[in-house]
């Protein structure tokens, strides 16, 4: 829409495996990580739908590393809206999978007292 100001949304997603395991151990009805990611994708797509000029960033916060999962250098935003929404979803999901897969090997280094690097994610934002 012409004349509307664009907005920027930065989503920080806690990708700490320990957090999600503890959450699901205490409450079987609690939100799973997969369901949370699906909900985040719906939310960010709605944000983009409001105004084509809106800008979005998604940061995954993990105990070993913080990483931008959207946008990425390989994310293309050309094309129709449906293609844009699919590209955003794919970039977020692929980025999270890659981060978790890469850092799972290092999980043996984690202790129970490890928490996500949320402060570092806020600094990146």
C-alpha atoms as a PDB file:
ATOM      1  CA  UNK A   1       0.000   0.000   0.000  1.00  0.00           C
ATOM      2  CA  UNK A   2       1.385   3.349  -0.963  1.00  0.00           C
ATOM      3  CA  UNK A   3       2.212   5.827   1.758  1.00  0.00           C
ATOM      4  CA  UNK A   4       2.396   3.272   4.576  1.00  0.00           C
ATOM      5  CA  UNK A   5       5.517   3.202   6.680  1.00  0.00           C
ATOM      6  CA  UNK A   6       7.370  -0.064   6.861  1.00  0.00           C
ATOM      7  CA  UNK A   7       8.169  -1.787  10.135  1.00  0.00           C
ATOM      8  CA  UNK A   8      10.918  -4.101  11.226  1.00  0.00           C
ATOM      9  CA  UNK A   9      10.333  -7.227  13.299  1.00  0.00           C
ATOM     10  CA  UNK A  10      13.134  -9.189  14.931  1.00  0.00           C
ATOM     11  CA  UNK A  11      12.167 -12.597  16.324  1.00  0.00           C
ATOM     12  CA  UNK A  12      14.534 -14.348  18.722  1.00  0.00           C
ATOM     13  CA  UNK A  13      13.774 -18.049  19.024  1.00  0.00           C
ATOM     14  CA  UNK A  14      15.215 -20.039  21.931  1.00  0.00           C
ATOM     15  CA  UNK A  15      16.680 -23.126  20.251  1.00  0.00           C
ATOM     16  CA  UNK A  16      18.149 -24.564  23.441  1.00  0.00           C
ATOM     17  CA  UNK A  17      17.475 -28.312  23.417  1.00  0.00           C
ATOM     18  CA  UNK A  18      17.633 -28.426  27.210  1.00  0.00           C
ATOM     19  CA  UNK A  19      14.884 -25.821  27.507  1.00  0.00           C
ATOM     20  CA  UNK A  20      12.507 -27.670  25.198  1.00  0.00           C
ATOM     21  CA  UNK A  21      13.175 -31.070  26.800  1.00  0.00           C
ATOM     22  CA  UNK A  22      12.510 -29.693  30.294  1.00  0.00           C
ATOM     23  CA  UNK A  23       9.380 -27.915  29.101  1.00  0.00           C
ATOM     24  CA  UNK A  24       7.948 -31.104  27.623  1.00  0.00           C
ATOM     25  CA  UNK A  25       8.952 -33.241  30.617  1.00  0.00           C
ATOM     26  CA  UNK A  26       6.977 -31.065  33.006  1.00  0.00           C
ATOM     27  CA  UNK A  27       3.836 -30.727  30.911  1.00  0.00           C
ATOM     28  CA  UNK A  28       2.728 -33.157  28.226  1.00  0.00           C
ATOM     29  CA  UNK A  29       0.375 -30.514  26.814  1.00  0.00           C
ATOM     30  CA  UNK A  30       3.134 -27.926  26.441  1.00  0.00           C
ATOM     31  CA  UNK A  31       4.243 -26.444  23.166  1.00  0.00           C
ATOM     32  CA  UNK A  32       6.786 -28.509  21.237  1.00  0.00           C
ATOM     33  CA  UNK A  33       9.721 -26.933  19.427  1.00  0.00           C
ATOM     34  CA  UNK A  34       8.314 -28.010  16.057  1.00  0.00           C
ATOM     35  CA  UNK A  35       4.927 -26.487  16.815  1.00  0.00           C
ATOM     36  CA  UNK A  36       6.583 -23.299  18.056  1.00  0.00           C
ATOM     37  CA  UNK A  37       8.526 -22.965  14.784  1.00  0.00           C
ATOM     38  CA  UNK A  38       5.315 -23.521  12.797  1.00  0.00           C
ATOM     39  CA  UNK A  39       3.591 -20.794  14.833  1.00  0.00           C
ATOM     40  CA  UNK A  40       6.508 -18.405  14.337  1.00  0.00           C
ATOM     41  CA  UNK A  41       6.328 -19.004  10.564  1.00  0.00           C
ATOM     42  CA  UNK A  42       2.614 -18.187  10.546  1.00  0.00           C
ATOM     43  CA  UNK A  43       3.218 -15.042  12.596  1.00  0.00           C
ATOM     44  CA  UNK A  44       6.087 -13.714  10.451  1.00  0.00           C
ATOM     45  CA  UNK A  45       4.169 -14.423   7.247  1.00  0.00           C
ATOM     46  CA  UNK A  46       1.241 -12.413   8.631  1.00  0.00           C
ATOM     47  CA  UNK A  47       3.658  -9.601   9.473  1.00  0.00           C
ATOM     48  CA  UNK A  48       4.979  -9.590   5.902  1.00  0.00           C
ATOM     49  CA  UNK A  49       1.442  -9.775   4.513  1.00  0.00           C
ATOM     50  CA  UNK A  50       0.449  -6.549   6.298  1.00  0.00           C
ATOM     51  CA  UNK A  51       2.932  -4.516   4.269  1.00  0.00           C
ATOM     52  CA  UNK A  52       5.240  -5.685   1.476  1.00  0.00           C
ATOM     53  CA  UNK A  53       7.877  -3.237   2.715  1.00  0.00           C
ATOM     54  CA  UNK A  54       8.046  -4.710   6.231  1.00  0.00           C
ATOM     55  CA  UNK A  55      11.452  -6.095   7.145  1.00  0.00           C
ATOM     56  CA  UNK A  56      12.038  -9.269   9.110  1.00  0.00           C
ATOM     57  CA  UNK A  57      14.915 -10.954  10.913  1.00  0.00           C
ATOM     58  CA  UNK A  58      14.842 -14.253  12.814  1.00  0.00           C
ATOM     59  CA  UNK A  59      17.670 -15.158  15.199  1.00  0.00           C
ATOM     60  CA  UNK A  60      18.067 -18.616  16.747  1.00  0.00           C
ATOM     61  CA  UNK A  61      19.541 -18.546  20.241  1.00  0.00           C
ATOM     62  CA  UNK A  62      21.367 -21.764  21.166  1.00  0.00           C
ATOM     63  CA  UNK A  63      23.671 -22.477  24.133  1.00  0.00           C
ATOM     64  CA  UNK A  64      26.681 -22.634  21.811  1.00  0.00           C
ATOM     65  CA  UNK A  65      25.870 -20.019  19.199  1.00  0.00           C
ATOM     66  CA  UNK A  66      23.441 -17.361  18.032  1.00  0.00           C
ATOM     67  CA  UNK A  67      22.668 -17.321  14.333  1.00  0.00           C
ATOM     68  CA  UNK A  68      20.510 -15.382  11.917  1.00  0.00           C
ATOM     69  CA  UNK A  69      18.227 -17.941  10.281  1.00  0.00           C
ATOM     70  CA  UNK A  70      16.417 -15.281   8.252  1.00  0.00           C
ATOM     71  CA  UNK A  71      17.416 -13.473   6.167  1.00  0.00           C
ATOM     72  CA  UNK A  72      20.275 -15.406   4.709  1.00  0.00           C
ATOM     73  CA  UNK A  73      22.480 -14.467   1.764  1.00  0.00           C
ATOM     74  CA  UNK A  74      20.807 -17.201  -0.301  1.00  0.00           C
ATOM     75  CA  UNK A  75      17.244 -16.116   0.509  1.00  0.00           C
ATOM     76  CA  UNK A  76      15.539 -14.807  -2.597  1.00  0.00           C
ATOM     77  CA  UNK A  77      12.453 -12.668  -2.094  1.00  0.00           C
ATOM     78  CA  UNK A  78      11.471 -12.207  -5.728  1.00  0.00           C
ATOM     79  CA  UNK A  79       8.192 -13.530  -7.004  1.00  0.00           C
ATOM     80  CA  UNK A  80       4.615 -13.806  -5.866  1.00  0.00           C
ATOM     81  CA  UNK A  81       3.490 -13.565  -2.264  1.00  0.00           C
ATOM     82  CA  UNK A  82       2.992 -17.329  -1.930  1.00  0.00           C
ATOM     83  CA  UNK A  83       6.536 -17.877  -3.128  1.00  0.00           C
ATOM     84  CA  UNK A  84       7.774 -15.269  -0.632  1.00  0.00           C
ATOM     85  CA  UNK A  85       5.975 -16.959   2.265  1.00  0.00           C
ATOM     86  CA  UNK A  86       7.343 -20.351   1.227  1.00  0.00           C
ATOM     87  CA  UNK A  87      10.868 -18.888   0.936  1.00  0.00           C
ATOM     88  CA  UNK A  88      10.622 -17.361   4.428  1.00  0.00           C
ATOM     89  CA  UNK A  89       9.341 -20.629   5.925  1.00  0.00           C
ATOM     90  CA  UNK A  90      12.047 -22.644   4.154  1.00  0.00           C
ATOM     91  CA  UNK A  91      14.831 -20.277   5.225  1.00  0.00           C
ATOM     92  CA  UNK A  92      13.729 -20.357   8.872  1.00  0.00           C
ATOM     93  CA  UNK A  93      13.261 -24.136   9.017  1.00  0.00           C
ATOM     94  CA  UNK A  94      16.434 -24.920   7.051  1.00  0.00           C
ATOM     95  CA  UNK A  95      18.452 -22.469   9.147  1.00  0.00           C
ATOM     96  CA  UNK A  96      17.241 -24.046  12.374  1.00  0.00           C
ATOM     97  CA  UNK A  97      17.877 -27.569  11.094  1.00  0.00           C
ATOM     98  CA  UNK A  98      21.384 -26.648   9.998  1.00  0.00           C
ATOM     99  CA  UNK A  99      22.168 -24.960  13.318  1.00  0.00           C
ATOM    100  CA  UNK A 100      20.841 -27.836  15.404  1.00  0.00           C
ATOM    101  CA  UNK A 101      22.510 -30.484  13.232  1.00  0.00           C
ATOM    102  CA  UNK A 102      25.863 -28.716  13.344  1.00  0.00           C
ATOM    103  CA  UNK A 103      25.734 -28.062  17.077  1.00  0.00           C
ATOM    104  CA  UNK A 104      24.326 -31.465  18.090  1.00  0.00           C
ATOM    105  CA  UNK A 105      27.814 -32.892  17.656  1.00  0.00           C
ATOM    106  CA  UNK A 106      29.052 -30.410  20.244  1.00  0.00           C
ATOM    107  CA  UNK A 107      26.171 -31.069  22.684  1.00  0.00           C
ATOM    108  CA  UNK A 108      28.355 -33.429  24.693  1.00  0.00           C
ATOM    109  CA  UNK A 109      30.302 -30.350  25.765  1.00  0.00           C
ATOM    110  CA  UNK A 110      27.212 -28.809  27.344  1.00  0.00           C
ATOM    111  CA  UNK A 111      26.532 -29.064  31.021  1.00  0.00           C
ATOM    112  CA  UNK A 112      23.137 -29.009  32.674  1.00  0.00           C
ATOM    113  CA  UNK A 113      23.754 -25.441  33.757  1.00  0.00           C
ATOM    114  CA  UNK A 114      24.138 -24.206  30.171  1.00  0.00           C
ATOM    115  CA  UNK A 115      21.473 -21.863  28.939  1.00  0.00           C
ATOM    116  CA  UNK A 116      20.913 -20.169  25.631  1.00  0.00           C
ATOM    117  CA  UNK A 117      22.883 -17.096  24.647  1.00  0.00           C
ATOM    118  CA  UNK A 118      19.788 -14.897  24.784  1.00  0.00           C
ATOM    119  CA  UNK A 119      21.756 -11.792  25.753  1.00  0.00           C
ATOM    120  CA  UNK A 120      23.944 -12.271  22.687  1.00  0.00           C
ATOM    121  CA  UNK A 121      20.839 -12.606  20.522  1.00  0.00           C
ATOM    122  CA  UNK A 122      19.467  -9.365  21.906  1.00  0.00           C
ATOM    123  CA  UNK A 123      22.763  -7.701  21.106  1.00  0.00           C
ATOM    124  CA  UNK A 124      22.574  -8.951  17.495  1.00  0.00           C
ATOM    125  CA  UNK A 125      19.052  -7.589  17.203  1.00  0.00           C
END
